[in-house]
Amino acid sequence: MGPLLFLIFIKVLPKTINEKTVPILFADDTSIIVKHSNQKVFQSNMAMAFKCVNQWFKINLLSINADKTHYIQFKTKNKPTCDINIVCTGNPITALSKIKFLGIYIQDSTNWNYHIDYIIPKLSPACYAMRSIKTVMSLNTLKSIYYSSFNAIISYGLPFWGNSPHTIKVFRLQKRIIRIMLGYKQRVLCRELFKRMNILPLASQYILLLMIFVIQNKNLFTFYFTK
């Protein structure tokens, strides 16, 4: 009952935050997205949101863990970052260039190279394990193991990081494990091997997941029809 009661208790928190922010709650993790093209308005909205959150926590006899509270400022090459000063219970909130959010590493530059480097060490052992068990397992069993160990990692959050140029590292490992499953050497082309195994290459899987997302969230998009 503890987790359920906590979720009921904290459910009203988003209503106390300024409407100009986007609160995101997942279990006991609370994130707030603040955005605005005007720097002064941006800082005002951020200060207001943080003030409301502090007040709500204080009224409900809760406290913010300053050591686990950080902020990340997203930036582009053409737009510089602005100076942000956030204080919580007398302690300044530190800025991070990257942060792990629900299993995905998000960077302030949104180029996703850190997240890809994070999952690569998880994929390499899967290739090694596949080579070790290949001689004693049927092809159908190997395919099931591929989906549970390798594909589960590359498909998680793929619609977000799938357009990064760094995905070539992941695709190389995907081709390697396909060759291992079918017993081919490193130089063999994989186009026909993917078809034979009925497995989507990384780029095709990325497109498929994007299409599924669009279909399931039609309300978020504006459609234009031409005659």
C-alpha atoms as a PDB file:
ATOM      1  CA  MET A   1       0.000   0.000   0.000  1.00  0.00           C
ATOM      2  CA  GLY A   2       2.955   2.321   0.581  1.00  0.00           C
ATOM      3  CA  PRO A   3       3.770   3.108  -3.084  1.00  0.00           C
ATOM      4  CA  LEU A   4       0.063   3.445  -3.958  1.00  0.00           C
ATOM      5  CA  LEU A   5      -0.624   5.852  -1.093  1.00  0.00           C
ATOM      6  CA  PHE A   6       2.444   7.876  -2.067  1.00  0.00           C
ATOM      7  CA  LEU A   7       1.223   8.204  -5.668  1.00  0.00           C
ATOM      8  CA  ILE A   8      -2.199   9.346  -4.447  1.00  0.00           C
ATOM      9  CA  PHE A   9      -0.545  11.787  -2.076  1.00  0.00           C
ATOM     10  CA  ILE A  10       1.733  13.382  -4.681  1.00  0.00           C
ATOM     11  CA  LYS A  11      -0.817  13.392  -7.527  1.00  0.00           C
ATOM     12  CA  VAL A  12      -1.924  16.948  -6.731  1.00  0.00           C
ATOM     13  CA  LEU A  13       1.612  18.352  -6.997  1.00  0.00           C
ATOM     14  CA  PRO A  14       1.386  19.253 -10.728  1.00  0.00           C
ATOM     15  CA  LYS A  15      -1.688  21.410 -10.051  1.00  0.00           C
ATOM     16  CA  THR A  16       0.331  23.653  -7.753  1.00  0.00           C
ATOM     17  CA  ILE A  17       2.971  24.406 -10.386  1.00  0.00           C
ATOM     18  CA  ASN A  18       2.679  27.399 -12.667  1.00  0.00           C
ATOM     19  CA  GLU A  19       0.757  26.589 -15.861  1.00  0.00           C
ATOM     20  CA  LYS A  20       3.726  27.771 -17.909  1.00  0.00           C
ATOM     21  CA  THR A  21       5.741  24.690 -16.945  1.00  0.00           C
ATOM     22  CA  VAL A  22       5.364  20.986 -17.732  1.00  0.00           C
ATOM     23  CA  PRO A  23       5.604  18.677 -14.678  1.00  0.00           C
ATOM     24  CA  ILE A  24       6.559  15.024 -15.194  1.00  0.00           C
ATOM     25  CA  LEU A  25       5.968  12.558 -12.355  1.00  0.00           C
ATOM     26  CA  PHE A  26       7.185   8.969 -12.326  1.00  0.00           C
ATOM     27  CA  ALA A  27       7.018   7.135  -8.993  1.00  0.00           C
ATOM     28  CA  ASP A  28       9.052   9.277  -6.580  1.00  0.00           C
ATOM     29  CA  ASP A  29      10.915  11.182  -9.303  1.00  0.00           C
ATOM     30  CA  THR A  30       9.604  14.636 -10.171  1.00  0.00           C
ATOM     31  CA  SER A  31      10.850  16.621 -13.166  1.00  0.00           C
ATOM     32  CA  ILE A  32       9.783  20.027 -14.404  1.00  0.00           C
ATOM     33  CA  ILE A  33      10.267  21.305 -17.946  1.00  0.00           C
ATOM     34  CA  VAL A  34      10.521  25.066 -18.365  1.00  0.00           C
ATOM     35  CA  LYS A  35      10.772  26.659 -21.798  1.00  0.00           C
ATOM     36  CA  HIS A  36      10.447  30.106 -23.312  1.00  0.00           C
ATOM     37  CA  SER A  37      12.182  32.028 -26.096  1.00  0.00           C
ATOM     38  CA  ASN A  38      12.571  35.131 -23.917  1.00  0.00           C
ATOM     39  CA  GLN A  39      15.359  34.739 -21.367  1.00  0.00           C
ATOM     40  CA  LYS A  40      13.756  36.970 -18.710  1.00  0.00           C
ATOM     41  CA  VAL A  41      10.387  35.218 -18.960  1.00  0.00           C
ATOM     42  CA  PHE A  42      12.162  31.859 -18.902  1.00  0.00           C
ATOM     43  CA  GLN A  43      13.946  32.630 -15.645  1.00  0.00           C
ATOM     44  CA  SER A  44      10.778  34.112 -14.120  1.00  0.00           C
ATOM     45  CA  ASN A  45       8.764  30.978 -14.953  1.00  0.00           C
ATOM     46  CA  MET A  46      11.471  28.751 -13.576  1.00  0.00           C
ATOM     47  CA  ALA A  47      11.751  30.678 -10.324  1.00  0.00           C
ATOM     48  CA  MET A  48       7.974  30.652  -9.892  1.00  0.00           C
ATOM     49  CA  ALA A  49       7.721  26.905 -10.513  1.00  0.00           C
ATOM     50  CA  PHE A  50      10.490  26.108  -8.049  1.00  0.00           C
ATOM     51  CA  LYS A  51       8.946  28.400  -5.436  1.00  0.00           C
ATOM     52  CA  CYS A  52       5.556  26.661  -5.776  1.00  0.00           C
ATOM     53  CA  VAL A  53       7.176  23.236  -5.474  1.00  0.00           C
ATOM     54  CA  ASN A  54       9.078  24.293  -2.345  1.00  0.00           C
ATOM     55  CA  GLN A  55       5.898  25.631  -0.757  1.00  0.00           C
ATOM     56  CA  TRP A  56       3.939  22.472  -1.555  1.00  0.00           C
ATOM     57  CA  PHE A  57       6.645  20.253  -0.065  1.00  0.00           C
ATOM     58  CA  LYS A  58       6.825  22.387   3.061  1.00  0.00           C
ATOM     59  CA  ILE A  59       3.042  22.401   3.595  1.00  0.00           C
ATOM     60  CA  ASN A  60       2.885  18.618   3.167  1.00  0.00           C
ATOM     61  CA  LEU A  61       5.773  18.001   5.598  1.00  0.00           C
ATOM     62  CA  LEU A  62       8.118  16.820   2.849  1.00  0.00           C
ATOM     63  CA  SER A  63      11.555  18.054   1.856  1.00  0.00           C
ATOM     64  CA  ILE A  64      13.568  18.183  -1.333  1.00  0.00           C
ATOM     65  CA  ASN A  65      16.808  16.217  -1.388  1.00  0.00           C
ATOM     66  CA  ALA A  66      19.179  18.917  -2.626  1.00  0.00           C
ATOM     67  CA  ASP A  67      21.948  16.383  -3.270  1.00  0.00           C
ATOM     68  CA  LYS A  68      19.738  14.550  -5.781  1.00  0.00           C
ATOM     69  CA  THR A  69      18.204  17.648  -7.314  1.00  0.00           C
ATOM     70  CA  HIS A  70      19.840  18.974 -10.487  1.00  0.00           C
ATOM     71  CA  TYR A  71      18.957  20.882 -13.586  1.00  0.00           C
ATOM     72  CA  ILE A  72      19.992  20.554 -17.198  1.00  0.00           C
ATOM     73  CA  GLN A  73      19.830  23.412 -19.680  1.00  0.00           C
ATOM     74  CA  PHE A  74      19.351  22.295 -23.268  1.00  0.00           C
ATOM     75  CA  LYS A  75      21.290  24.262 -25.827  1.00  0.00           C
ATOM     76  CA  THR A  76      21.991  24.531 -29.528  1.00  0.00           C
ATOM     77  CA  LYS A  77      25.002  25.729 -31.452  1.00  0.00           C
ATOM     78  CA  ASN A  78      23.208  28.909 -32.511  1.00  0.00           C
ATOM     79  CA  LYS A  79      21.749  29.820 -29.129  1.00  0.00           C
ATOM     80  CA  PRO A  80      23.961  30.276 -26.046  1.00  0.00           C
ATOM     81  CA  THR A  81      22.933  29.229 -22.560  1.00  0.00           C
ATOM     82  CA  CYS A  82      21.891  31.722 -19.903  1.00  0.00           C
ATOM     83  CA  ASP A  83      23.029  32.058 -16.314  1.00  0.00           C
ATOM     84  CA  ILE A  84      20.710  30.227 -13.929  1.00  0.00           C
ATOM     85  CA  ASN A  85      20.781  30.502 -10.153  1.00  0.00           C
ATOM     86  CA  ILE A  86      18.523  28.100  -8.232  1.00  0.00           C
ATOM     87  CA  VAL A  87      18.789  27.710  -4.467  1.00  0.00           C
ATOM     88  CA  CYS A  88      17.149  24.960  -2.405  1.00  0.00           C
ATOM     89  CA  THR A  89      17.206  25.155   1.423  1.00  0.00           C
ATOM     90  CA  GLY A  90      20.238  27.398   1.183  1.00  0.00           C
ATOM     91  CA  ASN A  91      22.095  25.061  -1.193  1.00  0.00           C
ATOM     92  CA  PRO A  92      22.623  25.897  -4.882  1.00  0.00           C
ATOM     93  CA  ILE A  93      21.188  23.405  -7.367  1.00  0.00           C
ATOM     94  CA  THR A  94      23.991  22.144  -9.578  1.00  0.00           C
ATOM     95  CA  ALA A  95      23.860  22.059 -13.366  1.00  0.00           C
ATOM     96  CA  LEU A  96      24.606  18.861 -15.258  1.00  0.00           C
ATOM     97  CA  SER A  97      25.590  18.335 -18.883  1.00  0.00           C
ATOM     98  CA  LYS A  98      23.963  14.893 -18.888  1.00  0.00           C
ATOM     99  CA  ILE A  99      21.514  13.043 -16.677  1.00  0.00           C
ATOM    100  CA  LYS A 100      19.917   9.602 -16.590  1.00  0.00           C
ATOM    101  CA  PHE A 101      16.153   9.827 -16.934  1.00  0.00           C
ATOM    102  CA  LEU A 102      14.120   6.590 -16.853  1.00  0.00           C
ATOM    103  CA  GLY A 103      17.034   4.573 -18.177  1.00  0.00           C
ATOM    104  CA  ILE A 104      18.014   7.014 -20.942  1.00  0.00           C
ATOM    105  CA  TYR A 105      20.927   9.415 -20.734  1.00  0.00           C
ATOM    106  CA  ILE A 106      19.855  12.892 -21.835  1.00  0.00           C
ATOM    107  CA  GLN A 107      22.494  15.473 -22.758  1.00  0.00           C
ATOM    108  CA  ASP A 108      22.221  19.228 -22.882  1.00  0.00           C
ATOM    109  CA  SER A 109      23.307  19.110 -26.535  1.00  0.00           C
ATOM    110  CA  THR A 110      20.833  16.276 -27.325  1.00  0.00           C
ATOM    111  CA  ASN A 111      23.280  14.438 -29.585  1.00  0.00           C
ATOM    112  CA  TRP A 112      22.781  11.131 -27.701  1.00  0.00           C
ATOM    113  CA  ASN A 113      26.381   9.967 -28.034  1.00  0.00           C
ATOM    114  CA  TYR A 114      26.682   9.409 -24.275  1.00  0.00           C
ATOM    115  CA  HIS A 115      23.582   7.204 -24.139  1.00  0.00           C
ATOM    116  CA  ILE A 116      24.828   5.161 -27.088  1.00  0.00           C
ATOM    117  CA  ASP A 117      28.218   4.734 -25.409  1.00  0.00           C
ATOM    118  CA  TYR A 118      26.284   3.671 -22.297  1.00  0.00           C
ATOM    119  CA  ILE A 119      24.449   0.809 -24.036  1.00  0.00           C
ATOM    120  CA  ILE A 120      27.382  -0.432 -26.147  1.00  0.00           C
ATOM    121  CA  PRO A 121      29.001  -2.288 -23.178  1.00  0.00           C
ATOM    122  CA  LYS A 122      25.661  -4.036 -22.651  1.00  0.00           C
ATOM    123  CA  LEU A 123      25.442  -5.175 -26.268  1.00  0.00           C
ATOM    124  CA  SER A 124      28.966  -6.537 -26.611  1.00  0.00           C
ATOM    125  CA  PRO A 125      28.478  -9.254 -23.934  1.00  0.00           C
ATOM    126  CA  ALA A 126      25.275 -10.299 -25.721  1.00  0.00           C
ATOM    127  CA  CYS A 127      27.336 -10.980 -28.862  1.00  0.00           C
ATOM    128  CA  TYR A 128      29.845 -12.991 -26.848  1.00  0.00           C
ATOM    129  CA  ALA A 129      27.096 -14.994 -25.154  1.00  0.00           C
ATOM    130  CA  MET A 130      25.452 -15.680 -28.512  1.00  0.00           C
ATOM    131  CA  ARG A 131      28.718 -17.069 -29.882  1.00  0.00           C
ATOM    132  CA  SER A 132      29.083 -19.307 -26.807  1.00  0.00           C
ATOM    133  CA  ILE A 133      25.620 -20.897 -27.004  1.00  0.00           C
ATOM    134  CA  LYS A 134      25.235 -21.014 -30.802  1.00  0.00           C
ATOM    135  CA  THR A 135      26.495 -24.594 -31.117  1.00  0.00           C
ATOM    136  CA  VAL A 136      23.981 -26.004 -28.619  1.00  0.00           C
ATOM    137  CA  MET A 137      20.852 -24.001 -29.460  1.00  0.00           C
ATOM    138  CA  SER A 138      18.428 -24.091 -32.372  1.00  0.00           C
ATOM    139  CA  LEU A 139      18.047 -21.031 -34.606  1.00  0.00           C
ATOM    140  CA  ASN A 140      14.572 -20.294 -33.215  1.00  0.00           C
ATOM    141  CA  THR A 141      15.950 -20.358 -29.673  1.00  0.00           C
ATOM    142  CA  LEU A 142      18.817 -18.064 -30.670  1.00  0.00           C
ATOM    143  CA  LYS A 143      16.312 -15.657 -32.172  1.00  0.00           C
ATOM    144  CA  SER A 144      14.307 -15.618 -28.946  1.00  0.00           C
ATOM    145  CA  ILE A 145      17.485 -14.914 -26.990  1.00  0.00           C
ATOM    146  CA  TYR A 146      18.351 -12.116 -29.428  1.00  0.00           C
ATOM    147  CA  TYR A 147      15.025 -10.387 -28.807  1.00  0.00           C
ATOM    148  CA  SER A 148      15.208 -10.763 -25.029  1.00  0.00           C
ATOM    149  CA  SER A 149      18.836  -9.723 -24.568  1.00  0.00           C
ATOM    150  CA  PHE A 150      19.981  -7.612 -27.530  1.00  0.00           C
ATOM    151  CA  ASN A 151      16.864  -6.183 -29.134  1.00  0.00           C
ATOM    152  CA  ALA A 152      15.325  -5.219 -25.779  1.00  0.00           C
ATOM    153  CA  ILE A 153      18.275  -2.872 -25.212  1.00  0.00           C
ATOM    154  CA  ILE A 154      18.400  -1.220 -28.645  1.00  0.00           C
ATOM    155  CA  SER A 155      14.631  -0.732 -28.896  1.00  0.00           C
ATOM    156  CA  TYR A 156      14.289   1.053 -25.551  1.00  0.00           C
ATOM    157  CA  GLY A 157      13.972   4.779 -26.244  1.00  0.00           C
ATOM    158  CA  LEU A 158      14.953   4.274 -29.893  1.00  0.00           C
ATOM    159  CA  PRO A 159      12.498   6.933 -31.215  1.00  0.00           C
ATOM    160  CA  PHE A 160      14.510   9.508 -29.255  1.00  0.00           C
ATOM    161  CA  TRP A 161      18.105   8.581 -30.078  1.00  0.00           C
ATOM    162  CA  GLY A 162      17.602   6.654 -33.306  1.00  0.00           C
ATOM    163  CA  ASN A 163      18.408   9.623 -35.558  1.00  0.00           C
ATOM    164  CA  SER A 164      21.845  10.181 -34.023  1.00  0.00           C
ATOM    165  CA  PRO A 165      24.849   9.611 -36.327  1.00  0.00           C
ATOM    166  CA  HIS A 166      26.421   7.640 -33.467  1.00  0.00           C
ATOM    167  CA  THR A 167      23.890   4.818 -33.997  1.00  0.00           C
ATOM    168  CA  ILE A 168      26.339   3.327 -36.507  1.00  0.00           C
ATOM    169  CA  LYS A 169      28.118   1.816 -33.488  1.00  0.00           C
ATOM    170  CA  VAL A 170      24.955   0.003 -32.462  1.00  0.00           C
ATOM    171  CA  PHE A 171      24.198  -1.113 -36.020  1.00  0.00           C
ATOM    172  CA  ARG A 172      27.654  -2.671 -36.350  1.00  0.00           C
ATOM    173  CA  LEU A 173      27.015  -4.768 -33.263  1.00  0.00           C
ATOM    174  CA  GLN A 174      23.591  -5.724 -34.569  1.00  0.00           C
ATOM    175  CA  LYS A 175      25.167  -6.964 -37.799  1.00  0.00           C
ATOM    176  CA  ARG A 176      27.773  -8.840 -35.791  1.00  0.00           C
ATOM    177  CA  ILE A 177      25.224 -10.726 -33.716  1.00  0.00           C
ATOM    178  CA  ILE A 178      23.183 -11.589 -36.833  1.00  0.00           C
ATOM    179  CA  ARG A 179      26.292 -13.070 -38.464  1.00  0.00           C
ATOM    180  CA  ILE A 180      27.048 -15.026 -35.303  1.00  0.00           C
ATOM    181  CA  MET A 181      23.541 -16.480 -35.168  1.00  0.00           C
ATOM    182  CA  LEU A 182      23.767 -17.699 -38.763  1.00  0.00           C
ATOM    183  CA  GLY A 183      27.430 -18.727 -38.621  1.00  0.00           C
ATOM    184  CA  TYR A 184      28.819 -16.245 -41.142  1.00  0.00           C
ATOM    185  CA  LYS A 185      32.153 -14.428 -41.090  1.00  0.00           C
ATOM    186  CA  GLN A 186      32.630 -10.743 -40.440  1.00  0.00           C
ATOM    187  CA  ARG A 187      32.880  -9.584 -44.081  1.00  0.00           C
ATOM    188  CA  VAL A 188      29.600 -11.135 -45.228  1.00  0.00           C
ATOM    189  CA  LEU A 189      26.908  -8.607 -46.214  1.00  0.00           C
ATOM    190  CA  CYS A 190      23.924  -8.620 -43.882  1.00  0.00           C
ATOM    191  CA  ARG A 191      21.047  -7.434 -46.071  1.00  0.00           C
ATOM    192  CA  GLU A 192      19.926 -10.962 -46.953  1.00  0.00           C
ATOM    193  CA  LEU A 193      20.719 -12.228 -43.462  1.00  0.00           C
ATOM    194  CA  PHE A 194      18.264  -9.757 -41.915  1.00  0.00           C
ATOM    195  CA  LYS A 195      15.601 -10.911 -44.377  1.00  0.00           C
ATOM    196  CA  ARG A 196      16.329 -14.553 -43.632  1.00  0.00           C
ATOM    197  CA  MET A 197      15.979 -14.006 -39.896  1.00  0.00           C
ATOM    198  CA  ASN A 198      12.972 -11.702 -40.373  1.00  0.00           C
ATOM    199  CA  ILE A 199      14.673  -9.128 -38.148  1.00  0.00           C
ATOM    200  CA  LEU A 200      14.520  -5.396 -38.819  1.00  0.00           C
ATOM    201  CA  PRO A 201      17.815  -3.503 -39.121  1.00  0.00           C
ATOM    202  CA  LEU A 202      18.241  -0.687 -36.615  1.00  0.00           C
ATOM    203  CA  ALA A 203      17.247   2.113 -39.039  1.00  0.00           C
ATOM    204  CA  SER A 204      14.092   0.272 -40.133  1.00  0.00           C
ATOM    205  CA  GLN A 205      13.184  -0.440 -36.534  1.00  0.00           C
ATOM    206  CA  TYR A 206      13.604   3.260 -35.747  1.00  0.00           C
ATOM    207  CA  ILE A 207      11.218   4.244 -38.561  1.00  0.00           C
ATOM    208  CA  LEU A 208       8.683   1.620 -37.481  1.00  0.00           C
ATOM    209  CA  LEU A 209       8.658   2.835 -33.869  1.00  0.00           C
ATOM    210  CA  LEU A 210       8.243   6.425 -35.055  1.00  0.00           C
ATOM    211  CA  MET A 211       5.248   5.430 -37.177  1.00  0.00           C
ATOM    212  CA  ILE A 212       3.690   3.571 -34.253  1.00  0.00           C
ATOM    213  CA  PHE A 213       4.190   6.615 -32.041  1.00  0.00           C
ATOM    214  CA  VAL A 214       2.516   8.907 -34.567  1.00  0.00           C
ATOM    215  CA  ILE A 215      -0.447   6.558 -34.971  1.00  0.00           C
ATOM    216  CA  GLN A 216      -0.907   6.191 -31.217  1.00  0.00           C
ATOM    217  CA  ASN A 217      -0.601   9.955 -30.620  1.00  0.00           C
ATOM    218  CA  LYS A 218      -2.469  11.508 -33.526  1.00  0.00           C
ATOM    219  CA  ASN A 219      -3.737  14.278 -31.270  1.00  0.00           C
ATOM    220  CA  LEU A 220      -0.208  15.665 -30.973  1.00  0.00           C
ATOM    221  CA  PHE A 221       0.197  16.239 -34.710  1.00  0.00           C
ATOM    222  CA  THR A 222      -1.370  18.512 -37.325  1.00  0.00           C
ATOM    223  CA  PHE A 223      -2.209  16.795 -40.583  1.00  0.00           C
ATOM    224  CA  TYR A 224      -2.381  18.584 -43.907  1.00  0.00           C
ATOM    225  CA  PHE A 225      -4.306  17.098 -46.813  1.00  0.00           C
ATOM    226  CA  THR A 226      -3.843  18.173 -50.413  1.00  0.00           C
ATOM    227  CA  LYS A 227      -6.063  17.451 -53.387  1.00  0.00           C
END
